[in-house]
Amino acid sequence: MVGSGHLGVVSFEIDSQTLRLQLDLMKDAEPIKGSVRDAAGTAHPFTGWLELVQTLERLRADGATTEEDRR
């Protein structure tokens, strides 16, 4: 969503490890729309607050998403 939204970082604390996610939001989208990128850079698109929360919960449950993170 380059150029069309706001860029932010969301962090969750998991067993003393931090999971870093990148949040891309489409500016002025109604309902909220965008994607969350995991540590591997994979985009997980969502539309609406419920899908955003579901995406964050799924990524949080998945934990480490790259081989480097798993070491």
Protein backbone atom coordinates (compact mmCIF):
# COMPACT_ATOMS: atom_id res chain seq x y z
CA MET A 1 0.00 0.00 0.00
CA VAL A 2 2.86 2.31 -0.83
CA GLY A 3 1.91 5.95 -0.84
CA SER A 4 -1.69 5.27 0.10
CA GLY A 5 -1.55 4.96 3.84
CA HIS A 6 0.11 5.32 7.18
CA LEU A 7 3.03 3.14 8.25
CA GLY A 8 3.31 1.95 11.83
CA VAL A 9 4.85 -0.73 14.00
CA VAL A 10 2.91 -2.99 16.34
CA SER A 11 4.67 -5.08 19.00
CA PHE A 12 3.42 -7.92 21.21
CA GLU A 13 5.37 -9.30 24.17
CA ILE A 14 5.56 -13.11 23.97
CA ASP A 15 7.43 -14.97 26.72
CA SER A 16 10.03 -12.19 26.96
CA GLN A 17 10.42 -12.13 23.15
CA THR A 18 9.12 -9.28 21.05
CA LEU A 19 7.20 -10.01 17.87
CA ARG A 20 7.59 -7.09 15.46
CA LEU A 21 4.92 -6.48 12.84
CA GLN A 22 4.56 -3.72 10.28
CA LEU A 23 1.09 -2.23 9.86
CA ASP A 24 0.14 -0.61 6.53
CA LEU A 25 -3.19 1.22 6.49
CA MET A 26 -5.00 2.67 3.49
CA LYS A 27 -5.66 6.33 4.16
CA ASP A 28 -9.35 7.21 4.50
CA ALA A 29 -10.52 3.62 3.83
CA GLU A 30 -13.93 2.84 5.31
CA PRO A 31 -13.96 0.37 6.91
CA ILE A 32 -10.32 0.20 7.96
CA LYS A 33 -8.25 -1.69 5.36
CA GLY A 34 -4.59 -2.60 4.96
CA SER A 35 -2.07 -5.32 5.68
CA VAL A 36 0.19 -6.54 8.45
CA ARG A 37 3.70 -7.71 7.49
CA ASP A 38 5.36 -10.35 9.59
CA ALA A 39 9.10 -10.62 10.33
CA ALA A 40 9.64 -12.39 7.00
CA GLY A 41 8.00 -9.49 5.16
CA THR A 42 4.92 -11.49 4.18
CA ALA A 43 1.82 -9.30 3.86
CA HIS A 44 -1.39 -10.45 5.55
CA PRO A 45 -4.24 -8.29 4.19
CA PHE A 46 -7.35 -7.38 6.20
CA THR A 47 -10.55 -5.38 5.81
CA GLY A 48 -12.35 -4.18 8.93
CA TRP A 49 -11.46 -4.12 12.61
CA LEU A 50 -12.41 -7.75 13.19
CA GLU A 51 -10.11 -9.03 10.44
CA LEU A 52 -7.30 -6.80 11.76
CA VAL A 53 -7.66 -8.27 15.25
CA GLN A 54 -7.91 -11.82 13.84
CA THR A 55 -4.76 -11.24 11.78
CA LEU A 56 -2.85 -9.92 14.80
CA GLU A 57 -4.02 -12.83 16.96
CA ARG A 58 -3.03 -15.38 14.29
CA LEU A 59 0.43 -13.83 13.88
CA ARG A 60 0.87 -13.63 17.63
CA ALA A 61 -0.06 -17.30 17.99
CA ASP A 62 2.32 -18.28 15.18
CA GLY A 63 5.22 -16.65 17.05
CA ALA A 64 8.54 -16.71 15.22
CA THR A 65 8.05 -16.45 11.47
CA THR A 66 11.59 -16.73 10.09
CA GLU A 67 14.36 -19.26 10.54
CA GLU A 68 16.51 -16.60 12.19
CA ASP A 69 13.74 -15.84 14.70
CA ARG A 70 13.41 -19.56 15.54
CA ARG A 71 17.08 -19.89 16.63
